[in-house]
Each structure stands twice: as C-alpha cells, then as structure tokens.
Protein backbone atom coordinates (compact mmCIF):
# COMPACT_ATOMS: atom_id res chain seq x y z
CA MET A 1 5.65 42.93 -28.76
CA ALA A 2 8.07 44.09 -26.05
CA SER A 3 11.22 42.09 -25.69
CA LYS A 4 12.10 40.59 -22.30
CA THR A 5 15.47 40.20 -20.67
CA VAL A 6 16.93 36.93 -19.43
CA GLU A 7 16.16 37.94 -15.84
CA HIS A 8 12.46 38.38 -16.62
CA VAL A 9 12.31 34.99 -18.31
CA LEU A 10 14.24 32.92 -15.76
CA PHE A 11 13.66 34.88 -12.58
CA PRO A 12 10.47 36.98 -12.90
CA GLY A 13 10.04 39.37 -10.01
CA ILE A 14 13.29 38.26 -8.29
CA ASP A 15 16.10 40.70 -7.46
CA VAL A 16 18.96 39.08 -9.37
CA ARG A 17 21.13 40.02 -12.36
CA VAL A 18 22.13 37.36 -14.78
CA GLU A 19 25.78 37.69 -15.85
CA ARG A 20 26.29 34.56 -17.93
CA VAL A 21 24.42 31.53 -19.28
CA SER A 22 26.45 28.54 -20.45
CA ASP A 23 25.92 24.95 -21.52
CA SER A 24 27.71 22.31 -19.47
CA SER A 25 27.17 18.57 -20.09
CA GLY A 26 23.60 19.03 -21.28
CA SER A 27 22.64 21.38 -18.44
CA LEU A 28 22.15 25.11 -18.43
CA VAL A 29 24.39 26.91 -15.94
CA VAL A 30 23.18 30.37 -14.98
CA GLU A 31 25.62 32.66 -13.18
CA ALA A 32 23.80 35.44 -11.34
CA VAL A 33 24.38 38.10 -8.69
CA SER A 34 21.91 39.15 -6.04
CA THR A 35 20.69 42.76 -6.31
CA ALA A 36 18.39 42.64 -3.29
CA ARG A 37 18.61 45.11 -0.43
CA PRO A 38 20.47 44.04 2.71
CA GLY A 39 18.32 41.71 4.71
CA ARG A 40 17.51 41.53 8.41
CA CYS A 41 19.13 39.38 11.06
CA PRO A 42 17.11 36.19 11.41
CA ASP A 43 17.41 36.37 15.25
CA CYS A 44 16.95 40.02 16.24
CA ARG A 45 15.43 41.31 12.94
CA LYS A 46 17.80 44.31 12.80
CA GLN A 47 18.47 45.76 9.37
CA ALA A 48 22.02 44.97 8.17
CA ARG A 49 24.36 47.80 7.10
CA ARG A 50 27.83 46.31 6.78
CA VAL A 51 28.98 43.63 4.38
CA HIS A 52 31.12 40.90 5.80
CA SER A 53 31.96 39.01 2.59
CA SER A 54 30.41 37.38 -0.40
CA TYR A 55 30.38 33.80 -1.69
CA GLN A 56 28.83 31.67 -4.42
CA ARG A 57 26.14 29.12 -3.71
CA THR A 58 24.79 26.61 -6.19
CA LEU A 59 21.06 26.00 -6.54
CA THR A 60 19.07 23.51 -8.58
CA GLU A 61 16.32 25.26 -10.49
CA ARG A 62 13.26 23.89 -12.31
CA PRO A 63 14.15 22.31 -15.65
CA LEU A 64 13.84 24.31 -18.81
CA GLY A 65 12.29 21.98 -21.38
CA SER A 66 14.22 18.74 -21.08
CA ARG A 67 17.39 20.35 -19.73
CA GLN A 68 18.36 20.81 -16.10
CA VAL A 69 19.12 24.26 -14.84
CA MET A 70 21.88 25.06 -12.30
CA VAL A 71 22.09 28.55 -10.75
CA ARG A 72 25.38 29.79 -9.41
CA LEU A 73 24.28 32.70 -7.29
CA ARG A 74 26.67 35.19 -5.62
CA VAL A 75 25.26 36.55 -2.36
CA HIS A 76 26.55 38.64 0.50
CA ARG A 77 27.17 37.85 4.16
CA TYR A 78 26.34 40.75 6.51
CA PHE A 79 27.28 41.75 10.04
CA CYS A 80 24.68 42.03 12.75
CA ASP A 81 25.55 45.29 14.62
CA ARG A 82 23.28 44.65 17.63
CA ARG A 83 25.50 43.82 20.56
CA SER A 84 22.85 41.92 22.45
CA CYS A 85 22.34 39.51 19.52
CA SER A 86 24.23 36.24 19.69
CA ARG A 87 24.53 36.08 15.90
CA ARG A 88 27.51 37.95 14.48
CA THR A 89 26.98 37.37 10.74
CA PHE A 90 24.20 36.06 8.54
CA VAL A 91 23.77 35.27 4.87
CA GLN A 92 21.52 37.27 2.56
CA GLN A 93 18.44 35.40 1.30
CA VAL A 94 16.88 36.33 -2.05
CA GLY A 95 13.08 36.33 -1.80
CA GLY A 96 11.41 33.88 -4.16
CA LEU A 97 14.70 32.13 -4.97
CA THR A 98 16.69 30.99 -1.91
CA GLU A 99 15.99 29.62 1.58
CA ARG A 100 18.27 28.75 4.47
CA HIS A 101 20.08 25.37 4.17
CA ARG A 102 18.43 24.69 0.79
CA ARG A 103 20.29 23.65 -2.36
CA SER A 104 17.23 24.00 -4.53
CA SER A 105 15.28 27.11 -5.49
CA VAL A 106 11.96 28.00 -3.85
CA GLY A 107 10.09 27.22 -7.04
CA LEU A 108 11.62 23.74 -7.36
CA THR A 109 10.98 23.04 -3.68
CA ASP A 110 7.31 23.93 -4.18
CA TRP A 111 7.15 21.54 -7.14
CA LEU A 112 8.69 18.70 -5.16
CA ARG A 113 6.47 19.34 -2.14
CA ALA A 114 3.34 19.29 -4.30
CA ILE A 115 4.41 15.98 -5.89
CA ALA A 116 5.19 14.49 -2.45
CA VAL A 117 1.78 15.55 -1.11
CA GLU A 118 -0.07 13.90 -3.97
CA LEU A 119 2.00 10.70 -4.41
CA GLY A 120 4.01 10.05 -1.28
CA GLY A 121 7.58 8.63 -1.30
CA ARG A 122 8.48 6.06 -3.88
CA PRO A 123 5.77 6.93 -6.46
CA ALA A 124 6.81 10.59 -6.22
CA ALA A 125 10.47 9.63 -6.67
CA ARG A 126 9.62 7.66 -9.82
CA LEU A 127 7.72 10.62 -11.26
CA CYS A 128 10.58 13.02 -10.44
CA HIS A 129 12.97 10.67 -12.28
CA ARG A 130 10.74 10.86 -15.37
CA LEU A 131 10.59 14.66 -15.06
CA ARG A 132 14.42 14.89 -14.74
CA LEU A 133 14.15 16.18 -11.17
CA ALA A 134 16.87 14.91 -8.86
CA ALA A 135 14.93 13.95 -5.75
CA GLY A 136 14.82 10.71 -3.81
CA ARG A 137 11.99 9.48 -1.63
CA THR A 138 13.66 10.56 1.66
CA ARG A 139 14.18 14.07 0.39
CA LEU A 140 10.56 14.26 -0.78
CA LEU A 141 9.24 13.03 2.55
CA ARG A 142 11.37 15.59 4.43
CA LEU A 143 9.56 18.34 2.51
CA LEU A 144 6.23 17.35 4.05
CA LYS A 145 5.35 19.46 6.99
CA ALA A 146 2.70 18.62 9.55
CA PRO A 147 -0.04 21.32 9.63
CA ALA A 148 -0.48 23.32 12.80
CA VAL A 149 -2.86 21.70 15.25
CA PRO A 150 -5.37 24.11 16.80
CA ASP A 151 -5.39 24.59 20.59
CA ARG A 152 -9.07 23.61 20.83
CA ALA A 153 -10.74 20.67 19.25
CA PRO A 154 -13.49 21.32 16.65
CA GLN A 155 -17.10 21.29 17.83
CA VAL A 156 -17.79 18.12 15.83
CA LEU A 157 -14.79 15.81 16.00
CA GLY A 158 -14.53 12.68 13.84
CA VAL A 159 -12.36 9.79 15.07
CA ASP A 160 -11.33 6.74 13.11
CA GLU A 161 -8.41 4.33 12.81
CA PHE A 162 -6.21 3.71 9.77
CA ALA A 163 -3.38 1.34 8.97
CA PHE A 164 0.25 2.46 8.65
CA ARG A 165 0.84 -1.17 7.77
CA LYS A 166 -2.25 -3.36 7.55
CA GLY A 167 -2.31 -6.06 10.22
CA CYS A 168 0.71 -4.61 12.10
CA THR A 169 0.61 -0.91 12.93
CA TYR A 170 -2.44 1.32 13.23
CA GLY A 171 -2.95 5.02 13.97
CA THR A 172 -5.85 7.39 14.63
CA VAL A 173 -6.99 10.19 12.38
CA LEU A 174 -8.96 13.15 13.82
CA VAL A 175 -11.17 15.09 11.46
CA ASP A 176 -13.17 18.30 11.67
CA VAL A 177 -16.47 16.94 10.41
CA GLU A 178 -18.04 20.30 9.69
CA ALA A 179 -15.02 21.68 7.76
CA GLY A 180 -14.11 18.34 6.18
CA ARG A 181 -10.39 18.56 6.96
CA VAL A 182 -7.91 16.54 9.00
CA VAL A 183 -7.09 18.05 12.40
CA ASP A 184 -4.38 15.72 13.66
CA VAL A 185 -2.93 12.21 13.32
CA LEU A 186 -2.12 10.08 16.38
CA PRO A 187 0.65 7.48 16.29
CA ASP A 188 -1.54 4.62 17.62
CA ARG A 189 -5.17 3.76 18.41
CA THR A 190 -4.96 3.30 22.18
CA SER A 191 -7.38 4.96 24.56
CA GLU A 192 -4.53 6.58 26.53
CA THR A 193 -3.22 8.49 23.51
CA PHE A 194 -6.65 9.68 22.42
CA ALA A 195 -7.57 10.67 25.99
CA ALA A 196 -4.37 12.71 26.34
CA TRP A 197 -5.22 14.53 23.09
CA LEU A 198 -8.73 15.30 24.26
CA ALA A 199 -7.41 16.62 27.56
CA GLY A 200 -4.92 18.91 25.79
CA HIS A 201 -7.47 20.11 23.20
CA PRO A 202 -10.83 20.75 24.86
CA GLY A 203 -13.90 21.98 23.03
CA ALA A 204 -15.36 18.89 21.37
CA GLU A 205 -19.12 18.73 21.91
CA ILE A 206 -19.94 15.92 19.51
CA ILE A 207 -17.56 13.06 18.84
CA CYS A 208 -18.34 10.99 15.74
CA ARG A 209 -16.60 7.64 16.03
CA ASP A 210 -16.79 3.97 15.16
CA ARG A 211 -17.69 1.30 17.70
CA ALA A 212 -14.19 0.67 19.01
CA THR A 213 -14.15 0.39 22.79
CA ALA A 214 -10.82 2.21 23.11
CA TYR A 215 -12.27 5.43 21.77
CA THR A 216 -15.34 5.08 24.02
CA LYS A 217 -13.13 4.72 27.09
CA ALA A 218 -11.08 7.76 26.12
CA VAL A 219 -14.18 9.92 25.60
CA LYS A 220 -15.62 8.94 28.97
CA GLU A 221 -12.34 9.80 30.70
CA ALA A 222 -11.35 13.06 28.99
CA ALA A 223 -14.59 14.44 27.58
CA PRO A 224 -17.52 13.01 29.55
CA ASP A 225 -19.88 15.84 28.51
CA ALA A 226 -19.38 15.20 24.78
CA LEU A 227 -22.14 13.44 22.85
CA GLU A 228 -20.98 10.25 21.14
CA VAL A 229 -22.53 9.38 17.81
CA ALA A 230 -21.78 6.83 15.12
CA ASP A 231 -21.00 8.25 11.70
CA ARG A 232 -23.01 7.38 8.63
CA TRP A 233 -20.42 5.12 7.03
CA HIS A 234 -20.13 2.91 10.14
CA LEU A 235 -23.89 2.85 10.55
CA LEU A 236 -24.31 1.55 6.97
CA GLN A 237 -21.44 -0.91 7.46
CA ASN A 238 -22.95 -2.29 10.67
CA LEU A 239 -26.37 -2.53 9.05
CA SER A 240 -24.89 -4.35 6.04
CA ALA A 241 -23.09 -6.80 8.35
CA ALA A 242 -26.29 -7.44 10.34
CA VAL A 243 -28.36 -8.06 7.23
CA GLU A 244 -25.67 -10.27 5.75
CA LYS A 245 -25.53 -12.32 8.96
CA THR A 246 -29.34 -12.68 8.96
CA CYS A 247 -29.35 -13.80 5.33
CA HIS A 248 -26.72 -16.43 6.12
CA GLN A 249 -28.82 -17.72 9.01
CA HIS A 250 -32.01 -17.95 6.89
CA ARG A 251 -30.30 -19.10 3.67
CA ASN A 252 -32.43 -22.27 3.55
CA CYS A 253 -35.57 -20.19 3.71
CA LEU A 254 -34.39 -18.00 0.87
CA ARG A 255 -33.50 -21.09 -1.19
CA LYS A 256 -36.89 -22.69 -0.49
CA HIS A 257 -38.80 -19.53 -1.47
CA THR A 258 -36.82 -19.19 -4.66
CA GLU A 259 -37.29 -22.83 -5.58
CA GLU A 260 -41.01 -22.39 -5.10
CA GLU A 261 -41.00 -19.45 -7.48
CA VAL A 262 -39.06 -21.46 -10.05
CA ALA A 263 -41.45 -24.41 -9.60
CA LYS A 264 -44.41 -22.13 -10.38
CA THR A 265 -42.84 -21.06 -13.64
CA VAL A 266 -41.98 -24.65 -14.55
CA MET A 267 -45.57 -25.71 -13.83
CA ASP A 268 -46.68 -23.77 -16.90
CA VAL A 269 -44.93 -26.40 -19.03
CA PRO A 270 -47.11 -29.52 -19.59
CA GLU A 271 -46.30 -32.35 -17.23
CA PRO A 272 -44.21 -34.82 -19.26
CA GLN A 273 -44.19 -38.53 -18.70
CA PRO A 274 -41.40 -39.29 -16.21
CA MET A 275 -38.28 -40.72 -17.75
CA LEU A 276 -35.57 -42.60 -15.98
CA LEU A 277 -32.17 -41.02 -16.53
CA PRO A 278 -28.81 -42.63 -15.74
CA PRO A 279 -27.59 -41.98 -12.17
CA ALA A 280 -25.90 -38.61 -11.77
CA GLU A 281 -22.13 -38.57 -11.83
CA LEU A 282 -19.65 -35.84 -11.36
CA PRO A 283 -18.40 -34.40 -14.64
CA ARG A 284 -14.73 -35.12 -15.34
CA THR A 285 -13.66 -31.48 -15.41
CA GLN A 286 -10.16 -30.20 -14.80
CA ILE A 287 -10.90 -28.70 -11.39
CA ILE A 288 -12.62 -31.91 -10.14
CA GLU A 289 -9.74 -34.10 -11.33
CA ARG A 290 -7.20 -31.72 -9.72
CA THR A 291 -9.14 -31.82 -6.45
CA ARG A 292 -9.22 -35.61 -6.47
CA HIS A 293 -5.50 -35.92 -7.16
CA ARG A 294 -4.57 -33.40 -4.49
CA TYR A 295 -6.76 -35.19 -1.93
CA GLU A 296 -4.96 -38.48 -2.72
CA ASP A 297 -1.50 -36.88 -2.54
CA VAL A 298 -2.18 -35.19 0.79
CA HIS A 299 -3.57 -38.31 2.47
CA ARG A 300 -0.79 -40.49 1.04
CA LEU A 301 1.83 -38.21 2.58
CA LEU A 302 -0.10 -38.03 5.86
CA GLU A 303 -0.06 -41.83 6.07
CA LYS A 304 3.72 -41.69 5.72
CA GLY A 305 3.92 -39.39 8.77
CA TRP A 306 4.66 -36.11 6.98
CA THR A 307 3.85 -32.86 8.78
CA ILE A 308 1.52 -30.16 7.46
CA SER A 309 4.39 -27.82 6.67
CA ALA A 310 6.36 -30.50 4.84
CA ILE A 311 3.35 -31.45 2.72
CA ALA A 312 2.72 -27.80 1.94
CA ARG A 313 6.30 -27.36 0.74
CA ARG A 314 6.26 -30.57 -1.26
CA LEU A 315 2.93 -29.85 -3.05
CA ASN A 316 3.48 -26.09 -3.22
CA LEU A 317 0.27 -25.40 -1.28
CA ASP A 318 -0.69 -23.23 1.61
CA ARG A 319 -0.81 -24.91 5.04
CA LYS A 320 -4.45 -23.97 5.44
CA THR A 321 -5.25 -25.69 2.15
CA VAL A 322 -3.47 -28.87 3.34
CA ARG A 323 -5.46 -28.80 6.59
CA ARG A 324 -8.69 -28.42 4.62
CA PHE A 325 -7.88 -31.46 2.49
CA ARG A 326 -6.96 -33.38 5.67
CA ASP A 327 -10.14 -32.55 7.63
CA THR A 328 -12.75 -32.63 4.84
CA ASP A 329 -14.34 -35.65 3.16
CA LEU A 330 -13.58 -36.27 -0.47
CA ASP A 331 -17.25 -36.06 -1.50
CA GLN A 332 -17.58 -32.66 0.10
CA MET A 333 -14.40 -31.43 -1.58
CA LEU A 334 -15.64 -32.66 -4.96
CA ALA A 335 -19.03 -31.06 -4.49
CA SER A 336 -17.37 -27.79 -3.59
CA ALA A 337 -15.18 -28.03 -6.71
CA ARG A 338 -18.26 -28.69 -8.81
CA ASP A 339 -20.00 -25.62 -7.38
CA ARG A 340 -17.05 -23.46 -8.34
CA ARG A 341 -17.56 -24.10 -11.99
CA PRO A 342 -18.29 -20.79 -13.69
CA ASN A 343 -21.81 -20.12 -14.99
CA GLY A 344 -21.83 -19.67 -18.77
CA VAL A 345 -24.34 -18.02 -21.06
CA LEU A 346 -26.40 -21.20 -21.08
CA GLU A 347 -26.97 -21.18 -17.32
CA PRO A 348 -30.27 -19.14 -17.35
CA LEU A 349 -31.78 -21.49 -19.93
CA LYS A 350 -30.72 -24.86 -18.52
CA ALA A 351 -34.05 -25.34 -16.73
CA TYR A 352 -35.93 -24.90 -20.02
CA LEU A 353 -33.58 -27.26 -21.84
CA ASN A 354 -33.90 -29.91 -19.14
CA ALA A 355 -37.70 -29.68 -19.24
CA ARG A 356 -37.80 -29.97 -23.07
CA PHE A 357 -35.31 -32.84 -22.95
CA THR A 358 -37.46 -34.77 -20.45
CA GLU A 359 -40.66 -33.96 -22.40
CA ALA A 360 -39.12 -35.44 -25.59
CA GLN A 361 -37.97 -38.58 -23.76
CA GLY A 362 -34.36 -37.81 -24.59
CA GLN A 363 -35.02 -37.69 -28.31
CA ALA A 364 -34.95 -33.89 -28.68
CA SER A 365 -33.10 -32.39 -31.59
CA GLY A 366 -30.15 -30.26 -30.64
CA ILE A 367 -30.66 -27.90 -33.58
CA ARG A 368 -34.34 -27.39 -32.74
CA LEU A 369 -33.59 -26.68 -29.07
CA PHE A 370 -30.82 -24.33 -30.09
CA LEU A 371 -33.26 -22.35 -32.26
CA GLU A 372 -35.82 -22.28 -29.43
CA ILE A 373 -33.47 -20.89 -26.82
CA ARG A 374 -31.96 -18.41 -29.28
CA GLU A 375 -35.46 -16.91 -29.57
CA ARG A 376 -35.43 -16.65 -25.80
CA GLY A 377 -32.22 -14.57 -25.80
CA TYR A 378 -29.41 -17.16 -25.96
CA GLN A 379 -26.29 -15.73 -27.60
CA GLY A 380 -23.90 -18.66 -27.24
CA SER A 381 -22.77 -21.25 -29.76
CA ARG A 382 -24.49 -24.44 -30.86
CA GLN A 383 -21.63 -26.55 -29.50
CA VAL A 384 -22.45 -25.54 -25.92
CA VAL A 385 -25.97 -26.80 -26.34
CA ARG A 386 -24.74 -30.09 -27.82
CA LYS A 387 -22.38 -30.65 -24.89
CA HIS A 388 -25.17 -30.03 -22.37
CA LEU A 389 -27.56 -32.46 -24.14
CA ALA A 390 -24.76 -35.05 -24.25
CA ALA A 391 -24.26 -34.60 -20.49
CA LEU A 392 -28.00 -35.09 -19.95
CA ARG A 393 -27.95 -38.35 -21.92
CA ALA A 394 -24.86 -39.58 -20.01
CA GLY A 395 -26.25 -38.54 -16.66
CA THR A 396 -23.34 -36.27 -15.81
CA ALA A 397 -25.14 -32.95 -16.15
CA GLU A 398 -25.16 -30.82 -13.03
CA PRO A 399 -28.71 -30.32 -11.62
CA VAL A 400 -30.20 -26.88 -12.13
CA ARG A 401 -30.26 -24.97 -8.86
CA ALA A 402 -32.36 -22.01 -7.88
CA ASP A 403 -30.66 -18.67 -8.34
CA ILE A 404 -30.19 -17.64 -4.72
CA PRO A 405 -29.07 -14.06 -4.35
CA SER A 406 -26.01 -13.70 -2.14
CA PRO A 407 -26.30 -11.71 1.07
CA ARG A 408 -23.70 -9.25 -0.24
CA LYS A 409 -25.83 -8.62 -3.33
CA ILE A 410 -28.90 -8.06 -1.11
CA THR A 411 -27.17 -5.64 1.21
CA SER A 412 -25.21 -3.70 -1.41
C-alpha cells in the first residue's frame, strides 16, 4: 500500500505545500504555502508575471474528526501589467481552497451551503454547533444564492401563493410544471407584481393556478393568449370543500338514514316489554362540572359590570371563549360538553347492552352481559360494563346515537 503525504490527505488535488502542522488549544493549525501558477487579473483576465508581495491569510477548514482545522496559507499578490486595466494588483487564489473575501475554505463553504439549503437559518445553525462548525444563521443565509431566472417563462407555468409568515406576509412561487422545478419567487401576491413578471418573461402558453382573482387579473393583462387551468391539487381541494359543504347542509338526512339502518338491525332483537326508566340526567363528569362552574363565574362577573377582556384575564380564558359563555344558553353548553366525551371501547356495543338491559327489565347480570359482548369483540374491562349498567339504572346514561360519518371522513 503506497504511503501518502500530508498534502494528499488534507488537500487532495490542490496546489499547496504543507510546511508545518501543530496543535493549538485543541485545534490543528496547518501552515502551508501556495505552489499554484500565477493567476489572471480578475478584471482584464491578463496573465500575471510580476510578484508584488506575499502575505498570510487564515482559513477555516472542515473539521478533522472532532478537532477544528485552521489553515494559515501564504499566497502572493501580483501586478497587473495591462495599462488600460484599472486594477493595479490582485491576490492569488488557490483553486479548490480559497475564494475572494472568504475566511473559510471552498470545501467548508460547500458544506455550510448544503446545510443551509436543507435546513434554513436557525436549524442549520444548531446542527453546525453540534458538528463543531463555527457558523451563525446570518452567515448561513448569506451563502444561499438565488438561481438564475430564465429570460422566457416556461411553456407550462404554475403559480401559487405561500406564506413568509402565516397571516401576515405572503409571496408567490412560480414553477415549471413540466420540469418540476421552481422558476422564481415573487415578494408578494399582488396582480401588479405578477403581471410585471409575465410582461418581462413572455412565453407562457398554459398557466396553472389557483382560483385567486389577483392572478386571473394579471394573466388577462400581461398574457391574454395564455390558457388558464386549475391544477389537480386545487381541483381536489375545491371538490372536497364542496362535498363537505353539501354534507353539512344535508346532515339531518344522513343522520335519519343511518338511524333507519340501525333501527333495522335492532328490529332483529325480540320486542321487549316497555320499561319505564328514570328521567335522563346529565352525568356528573369533570368536563360538565367545569362547564357549569365557568358559566356561573362568567355571568356573575358580567352582572358586576366587568368587561370581556377583564373576565378573560381573571379566569385565564380566551375572549372568544368568554363571549361564547355569555351568548350561549347553559343547556346548550352542557349538551356540547356531554358530546365532547370521548368514545371508549364500549361505544360500539352500547346499543346491544341497552337492548338486553331493557329486555331483562333492568335485572340483567353484569357478568353475563360482559361475557356476551366479549364474544362480540369487546376487549375492555368488566368495570366499564358495570359503570354503564349503573348509569342505566340511575337514568344518567347518555342515549346511543347513530354513528354519523363526518363530512371530512366522507371527502378524504
């Protein structure tokens, strides 16, 4: 196996000569000299021939294991001999290692840029801290460069809005639909900005957009010959919203149909002799008691002349919650609190238990009913069944309601 020099290990393919490697405060300090040929003037591109001077510049290199690496590189400054050039001297740049006005190596800059592209500002800074890379969020964001925008718009242009800060500031993203890449990002979502972009970048034949009127106005002004279409995502979203709205409007019909289906299944059970149960009462659960107490506290403070904001601060509630307690009847609030009770494992079998309880005239054995529903797939404990039967005898059991699918479940 051929041995490698320090230059080949630390700077593979780079024209430098390592003179010394030392350990300083837990960091590796590499002192090197550039061996590259004289460069060209960055303005007139003339090959340099005369050396002006030399100086040492310090670069931060990628860490080696868990240790930071500092490179002290000695480079030359050259004269530019072209009289017409405004630049008199320039500094030599080592390809693959240095760049103008950079205090980090090219390799480390590429690392930081890749991290910034994937994570952004603060998350990238936290990762760099864990990797022992000295880079703050502002430095990482400065490494991001906007891609070049083509002179002509793609044939199929996608337009949509996005939030810089949700609810406050929005922008517009332009996408090449066929290539699946971002073309440009606009600072806002106004029709004037989008129309100006279309006027400066002609060539869009099909514009795939959402149903925002601002984009429609811009297309009619700057690209009247372009065909406007709705993209697949917005079509499905609008269809889902329409179906959800229709289900909300016909919710009573859905409930009635489901109750009829449940009634057909219950009819298979022999008709028991009707039994008079105690009048239904609300169960004394924690959420119902908390709702009742909050209702009393809000109305007591309102009678004293307190404002909505003062009541919200006193009770540690949101102002909208205080208004809801002020404008809603207590019975409706309690019914809403009862409906928010979570459905347990017994919920699918409550209709069967209620029918068997009524059939046995309230004398049903809890152990026998527990064994019956366990054969039907119940996996809960016996104590849950006992509590439900006790609530039936006391008249506080919540009536079994038909399982109405939500509009979101229907449309998803």
